Amino acid sequence: MRMSGVIGVILLAVAVVLLPVLAGGQWVRIFTSTACFALAAMGAAFIYARLGMVSLAQVALMGVGGWVFLRLNHATALPFEANLLAAGLVTSVLGMLLALPALRMRGLYLALMTLMVAGALEIVFTARQFPNGGTGFWGVATSFSATVRRPLLGQSDPAYLRYSLLVMGAGFLLIEAHRRAAPGRAWALIRRSEAAAIASGVNVTLYKTWAFGLSGLLAGLGGGLLAGSLGLLDAATFRASESVLLFALVVVGGARFWFGAVATAVLYRVAPALLNNWGVDADLALILFGAALLHAVITAPDGIAGQILGFVGALRGRMPGVRP
């Protein structure tokens, strides 16, 4: 494992131990949702960094994952983990379906197509809402009456935060395992040149579908975890514009690095909450995000994560006895 990976494991362990203790009340839920959105950001960053493609449906896929999780929770007696896995598998299949136009489209056209999918899902969420224990396929009742089962290791809010952080860490390890294996090499070749990949015997259809399915899996897991945390989801959380914002923050955070997904989720969830605590309108965060995106596009293509790693590398180069 690379040094950045070792640092990531250490930071995750510290967060699992200390964050639920230091955070209190509302901040426990905010950090839990941050871990959930980090999974979705990881999927968007993965598609962009490995294939050079833009998917603007990640937050919408989170909504699908949350819907599936809630429906199974209210309609069956399956354990939490089974519902969460089912949510991830359903969104993984949807992600694979998104890969079909990706076989022929790139750039702006693919981004617009995924945005249209996100818009369609937004309409469905708004019209039908999320299951709350009612009967029928949609499972919606006039009043909330059912409860959401949590995992045995995450019954309280602090324990659920630890559980969410561990699932987030497992998602990072899943991405890293793919990157270091044959799929990672295939995706790197496809990004460089699809013609060269085909000439080298790479099954472009298979690996593109694989990548989008993996990205959808991460979004579904994030949506399921968010549903388990909140108990009931709101359609406004999964607007198509939120998918656009999340991808913009992926660029700001740094798509090529694991820390970039964490930075994305922190900006997306923690920054507006801090502004609210300070008595400032949270919409001001959009202006700050726009300025950060402009800075990333012009001067920092590797985002916040790239700048931090570059700064650390420069410090190490100045240390006596350390080779730059």
C-alpha atoms as a PDB file:
ATOM      1  CA  MET A   1       0.000   0.000   0.000  1.00  0.00           C
ATOM      2  CA  ARG A   2       1.237   3.486  -0.862  1.00  0.00           C
ATOM      3  CA  MET A   3       2.056   6.002   1.852  1.00  0.00           C
ATOM      4  CA  SER A   4      -1.131   7.949   1.095  1.00  0.00           C
ATOM      5  CA  GLY A   5      -3.118   4.765   1.651  1.00  0.00           C
ATOM      6  CA  VAL A   6      -1.418   4.121   4.985  1.00  0.00           C
ATOM      7  CA  ILE A   7      -2.180   7.689   6.043  1.00  0.00           C
ATOM      8  CA  GLY A   8      -5.782   7.180   4.969  1.00  0.00           C
ATOM      9  CA  VAL A   9      -6.173   4.054   7.106  1.00  0.00           C
ATOM     10  CA  ILE A  10      -4.664   5.841  10.109  1.00  0.00           C
ATOM     11  CA  LEU A  11      -6.938   8.869   9.675  1.00  0.00           C
ATOM     12  CA  LEU A  12      -9.970   6.604   9.313  1.00  0.00           C
ATOM     13  CA  ALA A  13      -9.089   4.787  12.529  1.00  0.00           C
ATOM     14  CA  VAL A  14      -8.682   8.105  14.343  1.00  0.00           C
ATOM     15  CA  ALA A  15     -12.023   9.345  12.976  1.00  0.00           C
ATOM     16  CA  VAL A  16     -13.817   6.138  14.004  1.00  0.00           C
ATOM     17  CA  VAL A  17     -12.476   6.399  17.555  1.00  0.00           C
ATOM     18  CA  LEU A  18     -12.590  10.145  18.204  1.00  0.00           C
ATOM     19  CA  LEU A  19     -15.167  11.755  15.919  1.00  0.00           C
ATOM     20  CA  PRO A  20     -18.289  10.268  17.607  1.00  0.00           C
ATOM     21  CA  VAL A  21     -16.857  11.288  20.992  1.00  0.00           C
ATOM     22  CA  LEU A  22     -15.925  14.847  20.060  1.00  0.00           C
ATOM     23  CA  ALA A  23     -19.007  15.582  17.953  1.00  0.00           C
ATOM     24  CA  GLY A  24     -22.272  16.112  19.735  1.00  0.00           C
ATOM     25  CA  GLY A  25     -25.965  16.290  18.907  1.00  0.00           C
ATOM     26  CA  GLN A  26     -26.656  17.537  15.397  1.00  0.00           C
ATOM     27  CA  TRP A  27     -23.019  17.272  14.312  1.00  0.00           C
ATOM     28  CA  VAL A  28     -23.048  13.497  14.697  1.00  0.00           C
ATOM     29  CA  ARG A  29     -25.765  13.308  12.036  1.00  0.00           C
ATOM     30  CA  ILE A  30     -23.981  15.852   9.851  1.00  0.00           C
ATOM     31  CA  PHE A  31     -20.772  13.823   9.927  1.00  0.00           C
ATOM     32  CA  THR A  32     -22.766  10.663   9.231  1.00  0.00           C
ATOM     33  CA  SER A  33     -24.297  12.221   6.127  1.00  0.00           C
ATOM     34  CA  THR A  34     -20.810  13.418   5.168  1.00  0.00           C
ATOM     35  CA  ALA A  35     -19.612   9.801   5.154  1.00  0.00           C
ATOM     36  CA  CYS A  36     -22.648   8.837   3.047  1.00  0.00           C
ATOM     37  CA  PHE A  37     -22.017  11.541   0.451  1.00  0.00           C
ATOM     38  CA  ALA A  38     -18.301  10.666   0.433  1.00  0.00           C
ATOM     39  CA  LEU A  39     -19.298   7.297  -1.028  1.00  0.00           C
ATOM     40  CA  ALA A  40     -21.251   8.990  -3.826  1.00  0.00           C
ATOM     41  CA  ALA A  41     -18.434  11.473  -4.431  1.00  0.00           C
ATOM     42  CA  MET A  42     -16.001   8.573  -4.601  1.00  0.00           C
ATOM     43  CA  GLY A  43     -18.063   7.000  -7.386  1.00  0.00           C
ATOM     44  CA  ALA A  44     -18.208  10.217  -9.416  1.00  0.00           C
ATOM     45  CA  ALA A  45     -14.480  10.828  -8.907  1.00  0.00           C
ATOM     46  CA  PHE A  46     -13.693   7.259  -9.887  1.00  0.00           C
ATOM     47  CA  ILE A  47     -15.544   7.544 -13.228  1.00  0.00           C
ATOM     48  CA  TYR A  48     -13.927  10.897 -13.968  1.00  0.00           C
ATOM     49  CA  ALA A  49     -10.385   9.970 -12.938  1.00  0.00           C
ATOM     50  CA  ARG A  50     -10.237   6.478 -14.450  1.00  0.00           C
ATOM     51  CA  LEU A  51     -12.256   6.932 -17.653  1.00  0.00           C
ATOM     52  CA  GLY A  52     -12.340  10.691 -18.155  1.00  0.00           C
ATOM     53  CA  MET A  53     -16.154  10.621 -18.186  1.00  0.00           C
ATOM     54  CA  VAL A  54     -18.644  12.805 -16.366  1.00  0.00           C
ATOM     55  CA  SER A  55     -21.625  11.294 -14.556  1.00  0.00           C
ATOM     56  CA  LEU A  56     -24.140  13.797 -13.203  1.00  0.00           C
ATOM     57  CA  ALA A  57     -26.509  11.255 -11.684  1.00  0.00           C
ATOM     58  CA  GLN A  58     -24.689  10.232  -8.505  1.00  0.00           C
ATOM     59  CA  VAL A  59     -26.964  11.999  -6.020  1.00  0.00           C
ATOM     60  CA  ALA A  60     -30.019  10.712  -7.894  1.00  0.00           C
ATOM     61  CA  LEU A  61     -28.649   7.173  -7.637  1.00  0.00           C
ATOM     62  CA  MET A  62     -28.232   7.778  -3.910  1.00  0.00           C
ATOM     63  CA  GLY A  63     -31.953   8.527  -3.856  1.00  0.00           C
ATOM     64  CA  VAL A  64     -32.719   5.231  -5.574  1.00  0.00           C
ATOM     65  CA  GLY A  65     -30.548   3.403  -3.053  1.00  0.00           C
ATOM     66  CA  GLY A  66     -32.359   5.138  -0.204  1.00  0.00           C
ATOM     67  CA  TRP A  67     -35.757   4.295  -1.708  1.00  0.00           C
ATOM     68  CA  VAL A  68     -34.885   0.599  -2.077  1.00  0.00           C
ATOM     69  CA  PHE A  69     -33.478   0.463   1.444  1.00  0.00           C
ATOM     70  CA  LEU A  70     -36.572   2.047   3.009  1.00  0.00           C
ATOM     71  CA  ARG A  71     -38.960  -0.127   1.010  1.00  0.00           C
ATOM     72  CA  LEU A  72     -37.219  -3.328   2.085  1.00  0.00           C
ATOM     73  CA  ASN A  73     -36.927  -2.106   5.658  1.00  0.00           C
ATOM     74  CA  HIS A  74     -40.678  -1.515   5.937  1.00  0.00           C
ATOM     75  CA  ALA A  75     -41.874  -4.450   3.838  1.00  0.00           C
ATOM     76  CA  THR A  76     -39.556  -7.229   5.022  1.00  0.00           C
ATOM     77  CA  ALA A  77     -37.822  -8.459   8.150  1.00  0.00           C
ATOM     78  CA  LEU A  78     -34.413  -8.592   6.472  1.00  0.00           C
ATOM     79  CA  PRO A  79     -31.447  -7.378   8.533  1.00  0.00           C
ATOM     80  CA  PHE A  80     -29.930  -3.964   7.944  1.00  0.00           C
ATOM     81  CA  GLU A  81     -26.938  -5.312   6.042  1.00  0.00           C
ATOM     82  CA  ALA A  82     -29.131  -7.237   3.594  1.00  0.00           C
ATOM     83  CA  ASN A  83     -31.223  -4.141   2.855  1.00  0.00           C
ATOM     84  CA  LEU A  84     -28.087  -2.042   2.407  1.00  0.00           C
ATOM     85  CA  LEU A  85     -26.525  -4.583   0.043  1.00  0.00           C
ATOM     86  CA  ALA A  86     -29.751  -4.825  -1.971  1.00  0.00           C
ATOM     87  CA  ALA A  87     -29.835  -1.030  -2.321  1.00  0.00           C
ATOM     88  CA  GLY A  88     -26.264  -1.085  -3.615  1.00  0.00           C
ATOM     89  CA  LEU A  89     -26.957  -3.901  -6.071  1.00  0.00           C
ATOM     90  CA  VAL A  90     -30.025  -2.160  -7.537  1.00  0.00           C
ATOM     91  CA  THR A  91     -28.136   1.076  -8.103  1.00  0.00           C
ATOM     92  CA  SER A  92     -25.226  -0.907  -9.494  1.00  0.00           C
ATOM     93  CA  VAL A  93     -27.546  -2.296 -12.167  1.00  0.00           C
ATOM     94  CA  LEU A  94     -28.821   1.214 -12.897  1.00  0.00           C
ATOM     95  CA  GLY A  95     -25.223   2.373 -13.172  1.00  0.00           C
ATOM     96  CA  MET A  96     -24.566  -0.360 -15.721  1.00  0.00           C
ATOM     97  CA  LEU A  97     -27.553   0.870 -17.729  1.00  0.00           C
ATOM     98  CA  LEU A  98     -25.996   4.341 -17.722  1.00  0.00           C
ATOM     99  CA  ALA A  99     -22.897   2.746 -19.236  1.00  0.00           C
ATOM    100  CA  LEU A 100     -24.808   1.812 -22.388  1.00  0.00           C
ATOM    101  CA  PRO A 101     -24.833   5.343 -23.834  1.00  0.00           C
ATOM    102  CA  ALA A 102     -21.285   5.781 -22.513  1.00  0.00           C
ATOM    103  CA  LEU A 103     -20.226   3.201 -25.094  1.00  0.00           C
ATOM    104  CA  ARG A 104     -21.062   5.726 -27.812  1.00  0.00           C
ATOM    105  CA  MET A 105     -20.994   9.108 -26.054  1.00  0.00           C
ATOM    106  CA  ARG A 106     -18.325  11.111 -24.322  1.00  0.00           C
ATOM    107  CA  GLY A 107     -17.880  14.598 -22.958  1.00  0.00           C
ATOM    108  CA  LEU A 108     -20.809  16.981 -22.958  1.00  0.00           C
ATOM    109  CA  TYR A 109     -23.300  14.550 -24.508  1.00  0.00           C
ATOM    110  CA  LEU A 110     -22.748  11.901 -21.849  1.00  0.00           C
ATOM    111  CA  ALA A 111     -22.936  14.510 -19.085  1.00  0.00           C
ATOM    112  CA  LEU A 112     -26.250  15.815 -20.446  1.00  0.00           C
ATOM    113  CA  MET A 113     -27.656  12.312 -20.741  1.00  0.00           C
ATOM    114  CA  THR A 114     -26.844  11.453 -17.123  1.00  0.00           C
ATOM    115  CA  LEU A 115     -28.251  14.821 -16.043  1.00  0.00           C
ATOM    116  CA  MET A 116     -31.508  14.000 -17.812  1.00  0.00           C
ATOM    117  CA  VAL A 117     -31.652  10.706 -15.901  1.00  0.00           C
ATOM    118  CA  ALA A 118     -31.133  12.617 -12.666  1.00  0.00           C
ATOM    119  CA  GLY A 119     -33.930  15.020 -13.657  1.00  0.00           C
ATOM    120  CA  ALA A 120     -36.306  12.141 -14.382  1.00  0.00           C
ATOM    121  CA  LEU A 121     -35.555  10.520 -11.022  1.00  0.00           C
ATOM    122  CA  GLU A 122     -36.095  13.877  -9.300  1.00  0.00           C
ATOM    123  CA  ILE A 123     -39.599  14.020 -10.781  1.00  0.00           C
ATOM    124  CA  VAL A 124     -40.348  10.497  -9.542  1.00  0.00           C
ATOM    125  CA  PHE A 125     -39.064  11.243  -6.023  1.00  0.00           C
ATOM    126  CA  THR A 126     -41.095  14.462  -5.836  1.00  0.00           C
ATOM    127  CA  ALA A 127     -44.293  12.893  -7.121  1.00  0.00           C
ATOM    128  CA  ARG A 128     -44.156   9.637  -5.161  1.00  0.00           C
ATOM    129  CA  GLN A 129     -42.015  10.504  -2.119  1.00  0.00           C
ATOM    130  CA  PHE A 130     -40.083   7.886  -0.158  1.00  0.00           C
ATOM    131  CA  PRO A 131     -41.527   4.811   1.608  1.00  0.00           C
ATOM    132  CA  ASN A 132     -42.549   5.444   5.199  1.00  0.00           C
ATOM    133  CA  GLY A 133     -44.278   2.224   6.145  1.00  0.00           C
ATOM    134  CA  GLY A 134     -47.360   2.428   3.941  1.00  0.00           C
ATOM    135  CA  THR A 135     -48.793  -0.362   1.817  1.00  0.00           C
ATOM    136  CA  GLY A 136     -48.513  -0.984  -1.911  1.00  0.00           C
ATOM    137  CA  PHE A 137     -45.513  -0.739  -4.179  1.00  0.00           C
ATOM    138  CA  TRP A 138     -44.611   2.834  -3.196  1.00  0.00           C
ATOM    139  CA  GLY A 139     -45.138   2.213   0.524  1.00  0.00           C
ATOM    140  CA  VAL A 140     -46.229   5.781   1.298  1.00  0.00           C
ATOM    141  CA  ALA A 141     -48.757   6.533   4.039  1.00  0.00           C
ATOM    142  CA  THR A 142     -50.258   9.863   5.104  1.00  0.00           C
ATOM    143  CA  SER A 143     -48.294   9.778   8.351  1.00  0.00           C
ATOM    144  CA  PHE A 144     -44.991   8.255   9.351  1.00  0.00           C
ATOM    145  CA  SER A 145     -45.628   5.193  11.483  1.00  0.00           C
ATOM    146  CA  ALA A 146     -42.804   2.729  10.929  1.00  0.00           C
ATOM    147  CA  THR A 147     -39.240   2.794  12.228  1.00  0.00           C
ATOM    148  CA  VAL A 148     -35.973   2.062  10.461  1.00  0.00           C
ATOM    149  CA  ARG A 149     -33.918  -0.833  11.746  1.00  0.00           C
ATOM    150  CA  ARG A 150     -30.267  -0.102  12.340  1.00  0.00           C
ATOM    151  CA  PRO A 151     -27.328  -2.510  12.470  1.00  0.00           C
ATOM    152  CA  LEU A 152     -26.508  -4.171  15.774  1.00  0.00           C
ATOM    153  CA  LEU A 153     -23.252  -2.224  15.924  1.00  0.00           C
ATOM    154  CA  GLY A 154     -24.940   1.099  15.151  1.00  0.00           C
ATOM    155  CA  GLN A 155     -28.004   1.473  17.322  1.00  0.00           C
ATOM    156  CA  SER A 156     -27.109   4.891  18.748  1.00  0.00           C
ATOM    157  CA  ASP A 157     -26.216   7.911  16.608  1.00  0.00           C
ATOM    158  CA  PRO A 158     -22.495   7.884  17.599  1.00  0.00           C
ATOM    159  CA  ALA A 159     -22.280   4.135  16.935  1.00  0.00           C
ATOM    160  CA  TYR A 160     -24.022   4.598  13.579  1.00  0.00           C
ATOM    161  CA  LEU A 161     -21.469   7.263  12.671  1.00  0.00           C
ATOM    162  CA  ARG A 162     -18.697   4.737  13.359  1.00  0.00           C
ATOM    163  CA  TYR A 163     -20.525   2.165  11.240  1.00  0.00           C
ATOM    164  CA  SER A 164     -20.903   4.636   8.361  1.00  0.00           C
ATOM    165  CA  LEU A 165     -17.222   5.561   8.516  1.00  0.00           C
ATOM    166  CA  LEU A 166     -16.266   1.884   8.321  1.00  0.00           C
ATOM    167  CA  VAL A 167     -18.514   1.350   5.279  1.00  0.00           C
ATOM    168  CA  MET A 168     -16.954   4.440   3.707  1.00  0.00           C
ATOM    169  CA  GLY A 169     -13.496   2.995   4.357  1.00  0.00           C
ATOM    170  CA  ALA A 170     -14.561  -0.307   2.787  1.00  0.00           C
ATOM    171  CA  GLY A 171     -15.671   1.625  -0.293  1.00  0.00           C
ATOM    172  CA  PHE A 172     -12.259   3.273  -0.571  1.00  0.00           C
ATOM    173  CA  LEU A 173     -10.548  -0.110  -0.263  1.00  0.00           C
ATOM    174  CA  LEU A 174     -12.818  -1.538  -2.967  1.00  0.00           C
ATOM    175  CA  ILE A 175     -11.813   1.241  -5.346  1.00  0.00           C
ATOM    176  CA  GLU A 176      -8.136   0.821  -4.471  1.00  0.00           C
ATOM    177  CA  ALA A 177      -8.302  -2.943  -5.043  1.00  0.00           C
ATOM    178  CA  HIS A 178      -9.740  -2.364  -8.516  1.00  0.00           C
ATOM    179  CA  ARG A 179      -7.177   0.310  -9.302  1.00  0.00           C
ATOM    180  CA  ARG A 180      -4.265  -1.991  -8.494  1.00  0.00           C
ATOM    181  CA  ALA A 181      -5.658  -4.993 -10.385  1.00  0.00           C
ATOM    182  CA  ALA A 182      -6.373  -5.726 -14.050  1.00  0.00           C
ATOM    183  CA  PRO A 183      -9.462  -3.448 -14.240  1.00  0.00           C
ATOM    184  CA  GLY A 184      -7.363  -0.467 -13.169  1.00  0.00           C
ATOM    185  CA  ARG A 185      -4.861  -1.080 -15.961  1.00  0.00           C
ATOM    186  CA  ALA A 186      -7.667  -1.546 -18.477  1.00  0.00           C
ATOM    187  CA  TRP A 187      -9.368   1.698 -17.424  1.00  0.00           C
ATOM    188  CA  ALA A 188      -6.083   3.596 -17.669  1.00  0.00           C
ATOM    189  CA  LEU A 189      -5.592   2.361 -21.237  1.00  0.00           C
ATOM    190  CA  ILE A 190      -9.191   3.186 -22.186  1.00  0.00           C
ATOM    191  CA  ARG A 191      -8.790   6.713 -20.848  1.00  0.00           C
ATOM    192  CA  ARG A 192      -5.630   7.185 -22.862  1.00  0.00           C
ATOM    193  CA  SER A 193      -7.028   5.778 -26.107  1.00  0.00           C
ATOM    194  CA  GLU A 194      -9.996   3.496 -26.737  1.00  0.00           C
ATOM    195  CA  ALA A 195      -8.514   2.495 -30.085  1.00  0.00           C
ATOM    196  CA  ALA A 196      -5.278   1.438 -28.396  1.00  0.00           C
ATOM    197  CA  ALA A 197      -7.252  -0.446 -25.741  1.00  0.00           C
ATOM    198  CA  ILE A 198      -9.193  -2.372 -28.369  1.00  0.00           C
ATOM    199  CA  ALA A 199      -5.996  -3.130 -30.270  1.00  0.00           C
ATOM    200  CA  SER A 200      -4.493  -4.474 -27.032  1.00  0.00           C
ATOM    201  CA  GLY A 201      -7.395  -6.845 -26.538  1.00  0.00           C
ATOM    202  CA  VAL A 202      -9.201  -4.884 -23.815  1.00  0.00           C
ATOM    203  CA  ASN A 203     -12.950  -5.439 -23.760  1.00  0.00           C
ATOM    204  CA  VAL A 204     -14.010  -1.785 -23.666  1.00  0.00           C
ATOM    205  CA  THR A 205     -17.715  -2.609 -23.277  1.00  0.00           C
ATOM    206  CA  LEU A 206     -17.070  -4.853 -20.288  1.00  0.00           C
ATOM    207  CA  TYR A 207     -14.784  -2.464 -18.436  1.00  0.00           C
ATOM    208  CA  LYS A 208     -16.921   0.626 -19.003  1.00  0.00           C
ATOM    209  CA  THR A 209     -19.970  -1.253 -17.763  1.00  0.00           C
ATOM    210  CA  TRP A 210     -17.942  -2.522 -14.815  1.00  0.00           C
ATOM    211  CA  ALA A 211     -16.837   1.007 -13.889  1.00  0.00           C
ATOM    212  CA  PHE A 212     -20.330   2.494 -14.027  1.00  0.00           C
ATOM    213  CA  GLY A 213     -21.724  -0.442 -12.064  1.00  0.00           C
ATOM    214  CA  LEU A 214     -19.111   0.057  -9.355  1.00  0.00           C
ATOM    215  CA  SER A 215     -19.870   3.770  -9.215  1.00  0.00           C
ATOM    216  CA  GLY A 216     -23.584   3.021  -8.890  1.00  0.00           C
ATOM    217  CA  LEU A 217     -22.879   0.525  -6.108  1.00  0.00           C
ATOM    218  CA  LEU A 218     -21.105   3.179  -4.042  1.00  0.00           C
ATOM    219  CA  ALA A 219     -23.942   5.667  -4.568  1.00  0.00           C
ATOM    220  CA  GLY A 220     -26.516   3.084  -3.498  1.00  0.00           C
ATOM    221  CA  LEU A 221     -24.607   2.219  -0.354  1.00  0.00           C
ATOM    222  CA  GLY A 222     -24.408   5.912   0.490  1.00  0.00           C
ATOM    223  CA  GLY A 223     -28.145   6.343  -0.050  1.00  0.00           C
ATOM    224  CA  GLY A 224     -28.955   3.320   2.091  1.00  0.00           C
ATOM    225  CA  LEU A 225     -26.746   4.548   4.921  1.00  0.00           C
ATOM    226  CA  LEU A 226     -28.352   7.988   4.722  1.00  0.00           C
ATOM    227  CA  ALA A 227     -31.818   6.427   4.949  1.00  0.00           C
ATOM    228  CA  GLY A 228     -30.750   4.427   7.993  1.00  0.00           C
ATOM    229  CA  SER A 229     -29.461   7.579   9.644  1.00  0.00           C
ATOM    230  CA  LEU A 230     -32.425   9.874   9.005  1.00  0.00           C
ATOM    231  CA  GLY A 231     -35.274   7.356   8.997  1.00  0.00           C
ATOM    232  CA  LEU A 232     -37.136   9.206   6.245  1.00  0.00           C
ATOM    233  CA  LEU A 233     -35.728  10.869   3.146  1.00  0.00           C
ATOM    234  CA  ASP A 234     -36.818  14.083   1.445  1.00  0.00           C
ATOM    235  CA  ALA A 235     -37.053  14.369  -2.325  1.00  0.00           C
ATOM    236  CA  ALA A 236     -35.396  17.809  -2.164  1.00  0.00           C
ATOM    237  CA  THR A 237     -32.153  16.117  -1.079  1.00  0.00           C
ATOM    238  CA  PHE A 238     -31.835  14.367  -4.441  1.00  0.00           C
ATOM    239  CA  ARG A 239     -32.510  17.149  -6.931  1.00  0.00           C
ATOM    240  CA  ALA A 240     -30.647  16.990 -10.236  1.00  0.00           C
ATOM    241  CA  SER A 241     -28.883  20.239  -9.356  1.00  0.00           C
ATOM    242  CA  GLU A 242     -27.341  18.494  -6.336  1.00  0.00           C
ATOM    243  CA  SER A 243     -25.669  15.965  -8.641  1.00  0.00           C
ATOM    244  CA  VAL A 244     -24.159  18.835 -10.632  1.00  0.00           C
ATOM    245  CA  LEU A 245     -22.948  20.496  -7.432  1.00  0.00           C
ATOM    246  CA  LEU A 246     -21.444  17.257  -6.149  1.00  0.00           C
ATOM    247  CA  PHE A 247     -19.472  16.732  -9.355  1.00  0.00           C
ATOM    248  CA  ALA A 248     -18.231  20.330  -9.288  1.00  0.00           C
ATOM    249  CA  LEU A 249     -16.963  19.740  -5.759  1.00  0.00           C
ATOM    250  CA  VAL A 250     -15.314  16.505  -6.907  1.00  0.00           C
ATOM    251  CA  VAL A 251     -13.195  18.643  -9.235  1.00  0.00           C
ATOM    252  CA  VAL A 252     -12.471  21.038  -6.376  1.00  0.00           C
ATOM    253  CA  GLY A 253     -11.566  18.209  -3.985  1.00  0.00           C
ATOM    254  CA  GLY A 254      -9.380  16.311  -6.447  1.00  0.00           C
ATOM    255  CA  ALA A 255     -10.760  13.339  -8.366  1.00  0.00           C
ATOM    256  CA  ARG A 256      -7.491  11.392  -8.514  1.00  0.00           C
ATOM    257  CA  PHE A 257      -7.012  11.013  -4.754  1.00  0.00           C
ATOM    258  CA  TRP A 258      -8.950   9.327  -1.957  1.00  0.00           C
ATOM    259  CA  PHE A 259      -8.711  12.497   0.113  1.00  0.00           C
ATOM    260  CA  GLY A 260     -10.446  14.361  -2.696  1.00  0.00           C
ATOM    261  CA  ALA A 261     -13.693  12.452  -2.098  1.00  0.00           C
ATOM    262  CA  VAL A 262     -13.504  13.222   1.621  1.00  0.00           C
ATOM    263  CA  ALA A 263     -12.840  16.904   0.911  1.00  0.00           C
ATOM    264  CA  THR A 264     -15.798  16.909  -1.501  1.00  0.00           C
ATOM    265  CA  ALA A 265     -18.183  15.525   1.111  1.00  0.00           C
ATOM    266  CA  VAL A 266     -16.887  17.891   3.800  1.00  0.00           C
ATOM    267  CA  LEU A 267     -17.438  20.890   1.536  1.00  0.00           C
ATOM    268  CA  TYR A 268     -20.855  19.608   0.492  1.00  0.00           C
ATOM    269  CA  ARG A 269     -22.233  18.878   3.969  1.00  0.00           C
ATOM    270  CA  VAL A 270     -20.065  20.495   6.648  1.00  0.00           C
ATOM    271  CA  ALA A 271     -19.415  23.901   5.071  1.00  0.00           C
ATOM    272  CA  PRO A 272     -23.123  24.914   4.817  1.00  0.00           C
ATOM    273  CA  ALA A 273     -23.724  23.660   8.376  1.00  0.00           C
ATOM    274  CA  LEU A 274     -20.858  25.793   9.665  1.00  0.00           C
ATOM    275  CA  LEU A 275     -22.261  28.861   7.920  1.00  0.00           C
ATOM    276  CA  ASN A 276     -25.634  28.223   9.527  1.00  0.00           C
ATOM    277  CA  ASN A 277     -23.995  27.931  12.944  1.00  0.00           C
ATOM    278  CA  TRP A 278     -22.250  31.247  12.378  1.00  0.00           C
ATOM    279  CA  GLY A 279     -25.549  32.920  11.506  1.00  0.00           C
ATOM    280  CA  VAL A 280     -24.701  33.238   7.815  1.00  0.00           C
ATOM    281  CA  ASP A 281     -27.009  32.180   4.991  1.00  0.00           C
ATOM    282  CA  ALA A 282     -25.863  28.713   3.865  1.00  0.00           C
ATOM    283  CA  ASP A 283     -26.471  29.700   0.229  1.00  0.00           C
ATOM    284  CA  LEU A 284     -23.288  31.749   0.489  1.00  0.00           C
ATOM    285  CA  ALA A 285     -21.500  28.407   0.232  1.00  0.00           C
ATOM    286  CA  LEU A 286     -22.503  28.247  -3.440  1.00  0.00           C
ATOM    287  CA  ILE A 287     -20.544  31.418  -4.126  1.00  0.00           C
ATOM    288  CA  LEU A 288     -17.537  30.019  -2.298  1.00  0.00           C
ATOM    289  CA  PHE A 289     -17.848  26.743  -4.215  1.00  0.00           C
ATOM    290  CA  GLY A 290     -17.953  28.637  -7.510  1.00  0.00           C
ATOM    291  CA  ALA A 291     -14.775  30.524  -6.659  1.00  0.00           C
ATOM    292  CA  ALA A 292     -13.102  27.280  -5.556  1.00  0.00           C
ATOM    293  CA  LEU A 293     -14.096  25.581  -8.828  1.00  0.00           C
ATOM    294  CA  LEU A 294     -12.674  28.465 -10.860  1.00  0.00           C
ATOM    295  CA  HIS A 295      -9.441  28.224  -8.887  1.00  0.00           C
ATOM    296  CA  ALA A 296      -9.258  24.447  -9.413  1.00  0.00           C
ATOM    297  CA  VAL A 297      -9.858  24.658 -13.153  1.00  0.00           C
ATOM    298  CA  ILE A 298      -7.312  27.433 -13.711  1.00  0.00           C
ATOM    299  CA  THR A 299      -4.488  26.719 -11.265  1.00  0.00           C
ATOM    300  CA  ALA A 300      -5.106  23.423  -9.430  1.00  0.00           C
ATOM    301  CA  PRO A 301      -6.273  20.625 -11.752  1.00  0.00           C
ATOM    302  CA  ASP A 302      -5.627  18.051  -8.998  1.00  0.00           C
ATOM    303  CA  GLY A 303      -7.817  19.965  -6.563  1.00  0.00           C
ATOM    304  CA  ILE A 304      -7.397  20.395  -2.833  1.00  0.00           C
ATOM    305  CA  ALA A 305      -5.965  16.899  -2.416  1.00  0.00           C
ATOM    306  CA  GLY A 306      -3.302  17.501  -5.060  1.00  0.00           C
ATOM    307  CA  GLN A 307      -2.290  20.796  -3.485  1.00  0.00           C
ATOM    308  CA  ILE A 308      -1.987  19.235  -0.026  1.00  0.00           C
ATOM    309  CA  LEU A 309       0.072  16.313  -1.321  1.00  0.00           C
ATOM    310  CA  GLY A 310       2.275  18.721  -3.262  1.00  0.00           C
ATOM    311  CA  PHE A 311       2.821  20.802  -0.133  1.00  0.00           C
ATOM    312  CA  VAL A 312       3.684  17.706   1.919  1.00  0.00           C
ATOM    313  CA  GLY A 313       6.075  16.528  -0.793  1.00  0.00           C
ATOM    314  CA  ALA A 314       7.811  19.902  -0.808  1.00  0.00           C
ATOM    315  CA  LEU A 315       8.218  19.767   2.966  1.00  0.00           C
ATOM    316  CA  ARG A 316       9.681  16.282   2.801  1.00  0.00           C
ATOM    317  CA  GLY A 317      12.126  17.441   0.133  1.00  0.00           C
ATOM    318  CA  ARG A 318      13.438  20.108   2.472  1.00  0.00           C
ATOM    319  CA  MET A 319      13.983  17.719   5.368  1.00  0.00           C
ATOM    320  CA  PRO A 320      17.619  16.672   5.858  1.00  0.00           C
ATOM    321  CA  GLY A 321      18.280  13.095   4.863  1.00  0.00           C
ATOM    322  CA  VAL A 322      15.043  12.774   2.858  1.00  0.00           C
ATOM    323  CA  ARG A 323      15.361  12.384  -0.886  1.00  0.00           C
ATOM    324  CA  PRO A 324      12.907  14.672  -2.771  1.00  0.00           C
END
